[in-house]
Amino acid sequence: MTDVALRLHAVVPMDIGTMRHNVPLTQDRRPRRDALAIHVMCAMSSAQRKGRALSLEDLARAVRARKADVRSVVTSLHEEGFVDATRLRLT
């Protein structure tokens, strides 16, 4: 594993069902968008590998963030081509 992959593996739990993601916060207690995007993609990847469909609520609960923040990040990831926002799946 590369150094970045090792750090991500240590920070981001891969099992969405048993562990929660801890997203770093900004000074105004909002999740950092770049960190939230990583956690959202990891949670989606984990669910997709297991063949499970996620709702926005499931995703927000898994990454411990507000639905509005998760929705905003998913929209950005969709515009960049990483996520299919209508099906909440990685592309």
PDB file of N, CA and C in Angstrom:
ATOM      1  N   MET A   1       0.835  -1.187   0.000  1.00  0.00           N
ATOM      2  CA  MET A   1       0.000   0.000   0.000  1.00  0.00           C
ATOM      3  C   MET A   1       0.878   1.248   0.000  1.00  0.00           C
ATOM      4  N   THR A   2       0.393   2.271  -0.650  1.00  0.00           N
ATOM      5  CA  THR A   2       1.122   3.525  -0.642  1.00  0.00           C
ATOM      6  C   THR A   2       0.924   4.215   0.703  1.00  0.00           C
ATOM      7  N   ASP A   3       1.724   5.246   0.944  1.00  0.00           N
ATOM      8  CA  ASP A   3       1.632   5.985   2.199  1.00  0.00           C
ATOM      9  C   ASP A   3       0.248   6.602   2.386  1.00  0.00           C
ATOM     10  N   VAL A   4      -0.305   7.165   1.313  1.00  0.00           N
ATOM     11  CA  VAL A   4      -1.634   7.779   1.395  1.00  0.00           C
ATOM     12  C   VAL A   4      -2.686   6.716   1.663  1.00  0.00           C
ATOM     13  N   ALA A   5      -2.584   5.578   0.988  1.00  0.00           N
ATOM     14  CA  ALA A   5      -3.551   4.502   1.195  1.00  0.00           C
ATOM     15  C   ALA A   5      -3.492   3.980   2.620  1.00  0.00           C
ATOM     16  N   LEU A   6      -2.303   3.880   3.172  1.00  0.00           N
ATOM     17  CA  LEU A   6      -2.169   3.430   4.558  1.00  0.00           C
ATOM     18  C   LEU A   6      -2.826   4.417   5.518  1.00  0.00           C
ATOM     19  N   ARG A   7      -2.614   5.715   5.290  1.00  0.00           N
ATOM     20  CA  ARG A   7      -3.239   6.721   6.149  1.00  0.00           C
ATOM     21  C   ARG A   7      -4.750   6.690   6.015  1.00  0.00           C
ATOM     22  N   LEU A   8      -5.264   6.545   4.793  1.00  0.00           N
ATOM     23  CA  LEU A   8      -6.707   6.474   4.599  1.00  0.00           C
ATOM     24  C   LEU A   8      -7.280   5.230   5.262  1.00  0.00           C
ATOM     25  N   HIS A   9      -6.575   4.105   5.139  1.00  0.00           N
ATOM     26  CA  HIS A   9      -7.054   2.865   5.739  1.00  0.00           C
ATOM     27  C   HIS A   9      -7.105   2.982   7.260  1.00  0.00           C
ATOM     28  N   ALA A  10      -6.151   3.702   7.839  1.00  0.00           N
ATOM     29  CA  ALA A  10      -6.121   3.866   9.287  1.00  0.00           C
ATOM     30  C   ALA A  10      -7.232   4.800   9.770  1.00  0.00           C
ATOM     31  N   VAL A  11      -7.602   5.775   8.961  1.00  0.00           N
ATOM     32  CA  VAL A  11      -8.581   6.776   9.369  1.00  0.00           C
ATOM     33  C   VAL A  11     -10.000   6.373   9.003  1.00  0.00           C
ATOM     34  N   VAL A  12     -10.171   5.745   7.855  1.00  0.00           N
ATOM     35  CA  VAL A  12     -11.500   5.467   7.332  1.00  0.00           C
ATOM     36  C   VAL A  12     -11.833   3.999   7.531  1.00  0.00           C
ATOM     37  N   PRO A  13     -12.747   3.678   8.435  1.00  0.00           N
ATOM     38  CA  PRO A  13     -13.159   2.286   8.580  1.00  0.00           C
ATOM     39  C   PRO A  13     -13.851   1.810   7.313  1.00  0.00           C
ATOM     40  N   MET A  14     -13.592   0.599   6.926  1.00  0.00           N
ATOM     41  CA  MET A  14     -14.125   0.094   5.668  1.00  0.00           C
ATOM     42  C   MET A  14     -15.482  -0.591   5.820  1.00  0.00           C
ATOM     43  N   ASP A  15     -15.894  -0.893   7.029  1.00  0.00           N
ATOM     44  CA  ASP A  15     -17.169  -1.585   7.204  1.00  0.00           C
ATOM     45  C   ASP A  15     -18.221  -0.593   7.663  1.00  0.00           C
ATOM     46  N   ILE A  16     -19.116  -0.227   6.781  1.00  0.00           N
ATOM     47  CA  ILE A  16     -20.132   0.783   7.076  1.00  0.00           C
ATOM     48  C   ILE A  16     -21.114   0.291   8.139  1.00  0.00           C
ATOM     49  N   GLY A  17     -21.275  -1.009   8.269  1.00  0.00           N
ATOM     50  CA  GLY A  17     -22.264  -1.533   9.199  1.00  0.00           C
ATOM     51  C   GLY A  17     -21.834  -1.500  10.653  1.00  0.00           C
ATOM     52  N   THR A  18     -20.546  -1.609  10.927  1.00  0.00           N
ATOM     53  CA  THR A  18     -20.109  -1.717  12.313  1.00  0.00           C
ATOM     54  C   THR A  18     -19.366  -0.504  12.826  1.00  0.00           C
ATOM     55  N   MET A  19     -18.765   0.270  11.956  1.00  0.00           N
ATOM     56  CA  MET A  19     -17.979   1.414  12.409  1.00  0.00           C
ATOM     57  C   MET A  19     -18.481   2.679  11.742  1.00  0.00           C
ATOM     58  N   ARG A  20     -18.250   3.777  12.385  1.00  0.00           N
ATOM     59  CA  ARG A  20     -18.667   5.071  11.846  1.00  0.00           C
ATOM     60  C   ARG A  20     -17.436   5.851  11.405  1.00  0.00           C
ATOM     61  N   HIS A  21     -17.643   6.708  10.448  1.00  0.00           N
ATOM     62  CA  HIS A  21     -16.573   7.571   9.957  1.00  0.00           C
ATOM     63  C   HIS A  21     -16.529   8.825  10.815  1.00  0.00           C
ATOM     64  N   ASN A  22     -15.351   9.299  11.127  1.00  0.00           N
ATOM     65  CA  ASN A  22     -15.191  10.553  11.853  1.00  0.00           C
ATOM     66  C   ASN A  22     -14.606  11.580  10.897  1.00  0.00           C
ATOM     67  N   VAL A  23     -15.426  12.509  10.490  1.00  0.00           N
ATOM     68  CA  VAL A  23     -15.035  13.507   9.503  1.00  0.00           C
ATOM     69  C   VAL A  23     -14.465  14.722  10.222  1.00  0.00           C
ATOM     70  N   PRO A  24     -13.263  15.192   9.825  1.00  0.00           N
ATOM     71  CA  PRO A  24     -12.701  16.395  10.436  1.00  0.00           C
ATOM     72  C   PRO A  24     -13.613  17.599  10.213  1.00  0.00           C
ATOM     73  N   LEU A  25     -13.689  18.462  11.218  1.00  0.00           N
ATOM     74  CA  LEU A  25     -14.570  19.626  11.164  1.00  0.00           C
ATOM     75  C   LEU A  25     -13.773  20.909  10.971  1.00  0.00           C
ATOM     76  N   THR A  26     -14.437  21.918  10.384  1.00  0.00           N
ATOM     77  CA  THR A  26     -13.832  23.248  10.293  1.00  0.00           C
ATOM     78  C   THR A  26     -14.043  23.958  11.628  1.00  0.00           C
ATOM     79  N   GLN A  27     -13.565  25.187  11.739  1.00  0.00           N
ATOM     80  CA  GLN A  27     -13.695  25.914  13.000  1.00  0.00           C
ATOM     81  C   GLN A  27     -15.142  26.239  13.340  1.00  0.00           C
ATOM     82  N   ASP A  28     -16.012  26.355  12.343  1.00  0.00           N
ATOM     83  CA  ASP A  28     -17.422  26.626  12.638  1.00  0.00           C
ATOM     84  C   ASP A  28     -18.226  25.323  12.764  1.00  0.00           C
ATOM     85  N   ARG A  29     -17.535  24.221  13.067  1.00  0.00           N
ATOM     86  CA  ARG A  29     -18.138  22.915  13.357  1.00  0.00           C
ATOM     87  C   ARG A  29     -18.843  22.288  12.160  1.00  0.00           C
ATOM     88  N   ARG A  30     -18.451  22.685  10.948  1.00  0.00           N
ATOM     89  CA  ARG A  30     -18.985  22.083   9.730  1.00  0.00           C
ATOM     90  C   ARG A  30     -17.945  21.093   9.208  1.00  0.00           C
ATOM     91  N   PRO A  31     -18.382  20.027   8.561  1.00  0.00           N
ATOM     92  CA  PRO A  31     -17.409  19.066   8.036  1.00  0.00           C
ATOM     93  C   PRO A  31     -16.610  19.664   6.889  1.00  0.00           C
ATOM     94  N   ARG A  32     -15.313  19.340   6.860  1.00  0.00           N
ATOM     95  CA  ARG A  32     -14.489  19.776   5.730  1.00  0.00           C
ATOM     96  C   ARG A  32     -14.966  19.045   4.496  1.00  0.00           C
ATOM     97  N   ARG A  33     -15.205  19.794   3.411  1.00  0.00           N
ATOM     98  CA  ARG A  33     -15.777  19.202   2.197  1.00  0.00           C
ATOM     99  C   ARG A  33     -14.864  18.142   1.591  1.00  0.00           C
ATOM    100  N   ASP A  34     -13.554  18.382   1.574  1.00  0.00           N
ATOM    101  CA  ASP A  34     -12.657  17.400   0.978  1.00  0.00           C
ATOM    102  C   ASP A  34     -12.638  16.112   1.797  1.00  0.00           C
ATOM    103  N   ALA A  35     -12.623  16.238   3.115  1.00  0.00           N
ATOM    104  CA  ALA A  35     -12.632  15.063   3.977  1.00  0.00           C
ATOM    105  C   ALA A  35     -13.980  14.350   3.896  1.00  0.00           C
ATOM    106  N   LEU A  36     -15.050  15.120   3.860  1.00  0.00           N
ATOM    107  CA  LEU A  36     -16.379  14.524   3.767  1.00  0.00           C
ATOM    108  C   LEU A  36     -16.531  13.755   2.459  1.00  0.00           C
ATOM    109  N   ALA A  37     -15.985  14.288   1.373  1.00  0.00           N
ATOM    110  CA  ALA A  37     -16.062  13.615   0.076  1.00  0.00           C
ATOM    111  C   ALA A  37     -15.362  12.259   0.132  1.00  0.00           C
ATOM    112  N   ILE A  38     -14.221  12.190   0.789  1.00  0.00           N
ATOM    113  CA  ILE A  38     -13.493  10.928   0.913  1.00  0.00           C
ATOM    114  C   ILE A  38     -14.321   9.924   1.705  1.00  0.00           C
ATOM    115  N   HIS A  39     -14.890  10.367   2.809  1.00  0.00           N
ATOM    116  CA  HIS A  39     -15.685   9.477   3.647  1.00  0.00           C
ATOM    117  C   HIS A  39     -16.956   9.006   2.931  1.00  0.00           C
ATOM    118  N   VAL A  40     -17.578   9.905   2.188  1.00  0.00           N
ATOM    119  CA  VAL A  40     -18.775   9.542   1.424  1.00  0.00           C
ATOM    120  C   VAL A  40     -18.421   8.482   0.388  1.00  0.00           C
ATOM    121  N   MET A  41     -17.324   8.672  -0.338  1.00  0.00           N
ATOM    122  CA  MET A  41     -16.936   7.713  -1.362  1.00  0.00           C
ATOM    123  C   MET A  41     -16.561   6.364  -0.748  1.00  0.00           C
ATOM    124  N   CYS A  42     -15.902   6.367   0.400  1.00  0.00           N
ATOM    125  CA  CYS A  42     -15.554   5.107   1.066  1.00  0.00           C
ATOM    126  C   CYS A  42     -16.802   4.368   1.536  1.00  0.00           C
ATOM    127  N   ALA A  43     -17.760   5.101   2.094  1.00  0.00           N
ATOM    128  CA  ALA A  43     -19.000   4.477   2.547  1.00  0.00           C
ATOM    129  C   ALA A  43     -19.781   3.916   1.363  1.00  0.00           C
ATOM    130  N   MET A  44     -19.816   4.656   0.259  1.00  0.00           N
ATOM    131  CA  MET A  44     -20.508   4.180  -0.934  1.00  0.00           C
ATOM    132  C   MET A  44     -19.809   2.955  -1.508  1.00  0.00           C
ATOM    133  N   SER A  45     -18.497   2.979  -1.504  1.00  0.00           N
ATOM    134  CA  SER A  45     -17.729   1.848  -2.016  1.00  0.00           C
ATOM    135  C   SER A  45     -17.978   0.593  -1.185  1.00  0.00           C
ATOM    136  N   SER A  46     -17.978   0.747   0.118  1.00  0.00           N
ATOM    137  CA  SER A  46     -18.217  -0.389   1.008  1.00  0.00           C
ATOM    138  C   SER A  46     -19.601  -0.992   0.771  1.00  0.00           C
ATOM    139  N   ALA A  47     -20.601  -0.139   0.683  1.00  0.00           N
ATOM    140  CA  ALA A  47     -21.961  -0.614   0.449  1.00  0.00           C
ATOM    141  C   ALA A  47     -22.090  -1.256  -0.925  1.00  0.00           C
ATOM    142  N   GLN A  48     -21.437  -0.672  -1.914  1.00  0.00           N
ATOM    143  CA  GLN A  48     -21.522  -1.185  -3.277  1.00  0.00           C
ATOM    144  C   GLN A  48     -20.858  -2.557  -3.372  1.00  0.00           C
ATOM    145  N   ARG A  49     -19.733  -2.753  -2.690  1.00  0.00           N
ATOM    146  CA  ARG A  49     -19.070  -4.055  -2.682  1.00  0.00           C
ATOM    147  C   ARG A  49     -19.960  -5.139  -2.075  1.00  0.00           C
ATOM    148  N   LYS A  50     -20.765  -4.730  -1.093  1.00  0.00           N
ATOM    149  CA  LYS A  50     -21.664  -5.680  -0.429  1.00  0.00           C
ATOM    150  C   LYS A  50     -22.986  -5.845  -1.179  1.00  0.00           C
ATOM    151  N   GLY A  51     -23.167  -5.081  -2.251  1.00  0.00           N
ATOM    152  CA  GLY A  51     -24.391  -5.171  -3.030  1.00  0.00           C
ATOM    153  C   GLY A  51     -25.571  -4.469  -2.390  1.00  0.00           C
ATOM    154  N   ARG A  52     -25.296  -3.556  -1.463  1.00  0.00           N
ATOM    155  CA  ARG A  52     -26.368  -2.837  -0.773  1.00  0.00           C
ATOM    156  C   ARG A  52     -26.597  -1.484  -1.416  1.00  0.00           C
ATOM    157  N   ALA A  53     -27.840  -1.073  -1.420  1.00  0.00           N
ATOM    158  CA  ALA A  53     -28.197   0.261  -1.895  1.00  0.00           C
ATOM    159  C   ALA A  53     -28.248   1.195  -0.690  1.00  0.00           C
ATOM    160  N   LEU A  54     -27.774   2.402  -0.865  1.00  0.00           N
ATOM    161  CA  LEU A  54     -27.788   3.397   0.204  1.00  0.00           C
ATOM    162  C   LEU A  54     -28.786   4.492  -0.111  1.00  0.00           C
ATOM    163  N   SER A  55     -29.444   4.978   0.914  1.00  0.00           N
ATOM    164  CA  SER A  55     -30.250   6.185   0.767  1.00  0.00           C
ATOM    165  C   SER A  55     -29.404   7.346   1.278  1.00  0.00           C
ATOM    166  N   LEU A  56     -29.851   8.545   1.021  1.00  0.00           N
ATOM    167  CA  LEU A  56     -29.141   9.714   1.514  1.00  0.00           C
ATOM    168  C   LEU A  56     -29.073   9.685   3.039  1.00  0.00           C
ATOM    169  N   GLU A  57     -30.139   9.262   3.665  1.00  0.00           N
ATOM    170  CA  GLU A  57     -30.172   9.182   5.127  1.00  0.00           C
ATOM    171  C   GLU A  57     -29.163   8.162   5.654  1.00  0.00           C
ATOM    172  N   ASP A  58     -29.075   6.997   5.012  1.00  0.00           N
ATOM    173  CA  ASP A  58     -28.087   5.988   5.408  1.00  0.00           C
ATOM    174  C   ASP A  58     -26.675   6.526   5.273  1.00  0.00           C
ATOM    175  N   LEU A  59     -26.430   7.201   4.171  1.00  0.00           N
ATOM    176  CA  LEU A  59     -25.106   7.759   3.910  1.00  0.00           C
ATOM    177  C   LEU A  59     -24.753   8.835   4.926  1.00  0.00           C
ATOM    178  N   ALA A  60     -25.692   9.709   5.239  1.00  0.00           N
ATOM    179  CA  ALA A  60     -25.458  10.767   6.224  1.00  0.00           C
ATOM    180  C   ALA A  60     -25.194  10.168   7.604  1.00  0.00           C
ATOM    181  N   ARG A  61     -25.932   9.130   7.948  1.00  0.00           N
ATOM    182  CA  ARG A  61     -25.736   8.475   9.242  1.00  0.00           C
ATOM    183  C   ARG A  61     -24.366   7.798   9.296  1.00  0.00           C
ATOM    184  N   ALA A  62     -23.952   7.184   8.201  1.00  0.00           N
ATOM    185  CA  ALA A  62     -22.673   6.467   8.163  1.00  0.00           C
ATOM    186  C   ALA A  62     -21.484   7.408   8.319  1.00  0.00           C
ATOM    187  N   VAL A  63     -21.569   8.589   7.740  1.00  0.00           N
ATOM    188  CA  VAL A  63     -20.446   9.523   7.816  1.00  0.00           C
ATOM    189  C   VAL A  63     -20.623  10.572   8.904  1.00  0.00           C
ATOM    190  N   ARG A  64     -21.723  10.460   9.661  1.00  0.00           N
ATOM    191  CA  ARG A  64     -22.003  11.381  10.770  1.00  0.00           C
ATOM    192  C   ARG A  64     -21.996  12.839  10.329  1.00  0.00           C
ATOM    193  N   ALA A  65     -22.771  13.108   9.310  1.00  0.00           N
ATOM    194  CA  ALA A  65     -22.868  14.481   8.796  1.00  0.00           C
ATOM    195  C   ALA A  65     -24.329  14.781   8.493  1.00  0.00           C
ATOM    196  N   ARG A  66     -24.629  16.076   8.375  1.00  0.00           N
ATOM    197  CA  ARG A  66     -25.989  16.476   8.038  1.00  0.00           C
ATOM    198  C   ARG A  66     -26.311  16.056   6.616  1.00  0.00           C
ATOM    199  N   LYS A  67     -27.583  15.742   6.373  1.00  0.00           N
ATOM    200  CA  LYS A  67     -27.999  15.327   5.032  1.00  0.00           C
ATOM    201  C   LYS A  67     -27.714  16.422   4.010  1.00  0.00           C
ATOM    202  N   ALA A  68     -27.890  17.671   4.397  1.00  0.00           N
ATOM    203  CA  ALA A  68     -27.636  18.778   3.467  1.00  0.00           C
ATOM    204  C   ALA A  68     -26.169  18.809   3.037  1.00  0.00           C
ATOM    205  N   ASP A  69     -25.249  18.557   3.976  1.00  0.00           N
ATOM    206  CA  ASP A  69     -23.820  18.547   3.643  1.00  0.00           C
ATOM    207  C   ASP A  69     -23.490  17.367   2.737  1.00  0.00           C
ATOM    208  N   VAL A  70     -24.052  16.205   3.053  1.00  0.00           N
ATOM    209  CA  VAL A  70     -23.808  15.012   2.237  1.00  0.00           C
ATOM    210  C   VAL A  70     -24.384  15.204   0.843  1.00  0.00           C
ATOM    211  N   ARG A  71     -25.583  15.761   0.755  1.00  0.00           N
ATOM    212  CA  ARG A  71     -26.216  16.011  -0.541  1.00  0.00           C
ATOM    213  C   ARG A  71     -25.350  16.943  -1.389  1.00  0.00           C
ATOM    214  N   SER A  72     -24.813  17.981  -0.763  1.00  0.00           N
ATOM    215  CA  SER A  72     -23.959  18.924  -1.474  1.00  0.00           C
ATOM    216  C   SER A  72     -22.689  18.248  -1.999  1.00  0.00           C
ATOM    217  N   VAL A  73     -22.088  17.405  -1.183  1.00  0.00           N
ATOM    218  CA  VAL A  73     -20.872  16.704  -1.589  1.00  0.00           C
ATOM    219  C   VAL A  73     -21.180  15.706  -2.701  1.00  0.00           C
ATOM    220  N   VAL A  74     -22.282  14.971  -2.579  1.00  0.00           N
ATOM    221  CA  VAL A  74     -22.662  14.003  -3.620  1.00  0.00           C
ATOM    222  C   VAL A  74     -22.920  14.729  -4.942  1.00  0.00           C
ATOM    223  N   THR A  75     -23.555  15.884  -4.877  1.00  0.00           N
ATOM    224  CA  THR A  75     -23.797  16.669  -6.090  1.00  0.00           C
ATOM    225  C   THR A  75     -22.483  17.082  -6.739  1.00  0.00           C
ATOM    226  N   SER A  76     -21.534  17.541  -5.927  1.00  0.00           N
ATOM    227  CA  SER A  76     -20.220  17.928  -6.458  1.00  0.00           C
ATOM    228  C   SER A  76     -19.498  16.733  -7.074  1.00  0.00           C
ATOM    229  N   LEU A  77     -19.544  15.600  -6.386  1.00  0.00           N
ATOM    230  CA  LEU A  77     -18.899  14.391  -6.910  1.00  0.00           C
ATOM    231  C   LEU A  77     -19.574  13.923  -8.200  1.00  0.00           C
ATOM    232  N   HIS A  78     -20.887  14.110  -8.287  1.00  0.00           N
ATOM    233  CA  HIS A  78     -21.625  13.760  -9.503  1.00  0.00           C
ATOM    234  C   HIS A  78     -21.179  14.646 -10.668  1.00  0.00           C
ATOM    235  N   GLU A  79     -21.043  15.940 -10.412  1.00  0.00           N
ATOM    236  CA  GLU A  79     -20.617  16.881 -11.456  1.00  0.00           C
ATOM    237  C   GLU A  79     -19.197  16.583 -11.931  1.00  0.00           C
ATOM    238  N   GLU A  80     -18.361  16.036 -11.018  1.00  0.00           N
ATOM    239  CA  GLU A  80     -16.986  15.699 -11.379  1.00  0.00           C
ATOM    240  C   GLU A  80     -16.879  14.305 -11.997  1.00  0.00           C
ATOM    241  N   GLY A  81     -17.977  13.556 -12.007  1.00  0.00           N
ATOM    242  CA  GLY A  81     -17.990  12.256 -12.654  1.00  0.00           C
ATOM    243  C   GLY A  81     -17.618  11.074 -11.775  1.00  0.00           C
ATOM    244  N   PHE A  82     -17.545  11.261 -10.465  1.00  0.00           N
ATOM    245  CA  PHE A  82     -17.162  10.176  -9.562  1.00  0.00           C
ATOM    246  C   PHE A  82     -18.356   9.367  -9.064  1.00  0.00           C
ATOM    247  N   VAL A  83     -19.525   9.996  -9.031  1.00  0.00           N
ATOM    248  CA  VAL A  83     -20.699   9.382  -8.416  1.00  0.00           C
ATOM    249  C   VAL A  83     -21.909   9.561  -9.329  1.00  0.00           C
ATOM    250  N   ASP A  84     -22.762   8.554  -9.367  1.00  0.00           N
ATOM    251  CA  ASP A  84     -24.073   8.679 -10.011  1.00  0.00           C
ATOM    252  C   ASP A  84     -25.035   9.091  -8.907  1.00  0.00           C
ATOM    253  N   ALA A  85     -25.389  10.355  -8.872  1.00  0.00           N
ATOM    254  CA  ALA A  85     -26.196  10.893  -7.765  1.00  0.00           C
ATOM    255  C   ALA A  85     -27.618  10.344  -7.768  1.00  0.00           C
ATOM    256  N   THR A  86     -28.150   9.975  -8.904  1.00  0.00           N
ATOM    257  CA  THR A  86     -29.531   9.477  -8.933  1.00  0.00           C
ATOM    258  C   THR A  86     -29.639   8.091  -8.308  1.00  0.00           C
ATOM    259  N   ARG A  87     -28.578   7.292  -8.405  1.00  0.00           N
ATOM    260  CA  ARG A  87     -28.592   5.942  -7.832  1.00  0.00           C
ATOM    261  C   ARG A  87     -27.717   5.807  -6.585  1.00  0.00           C
ATOM    262  N   LEU A  88     -27.033   6.884  -6.220  1.00  0.00           N
ATOM    263  CA  LEU A  88     -26.083   6.889  -5.100  1.00  0.00           C
ATOM    264  C   LEU A  88     -25.106   5.729  -5.213  1.00  0.00           C
ATOM    265  N   ARG A  89     -24.440   5.663  -6.363  1.00  0.00           N
ATOM    266  CA  ARG A  89     -23.435   4.638  -6.622  1.00  0.00           C
ATOM    267  C   ARG A  89     -22.202   5.292  -7.241  1.00  0.00           C
ATOM    268  N   LEU A  90     -21.053   4.683  -7.018  1.00  0.00           N
ATOM    269  CA  LEU A  90     -19.830   5.154  -7.654  1.00  0.00           C
ATOM    270  C   LEU A  90     -19.881   4.815  -9.134  1.00  0.00           C
ATOM    271  N   THR A  91     -19.256   5.667  -9.964  1.00  0.00           N
ATOM    272  CA  THR A  91     -19.245   5.395 -11.403  1.00  0.00           C
ATOM    273  C   THR A  91     -18.005   4.637 -11.780  1.00  0.00           C
TER     274      THR A  91
END
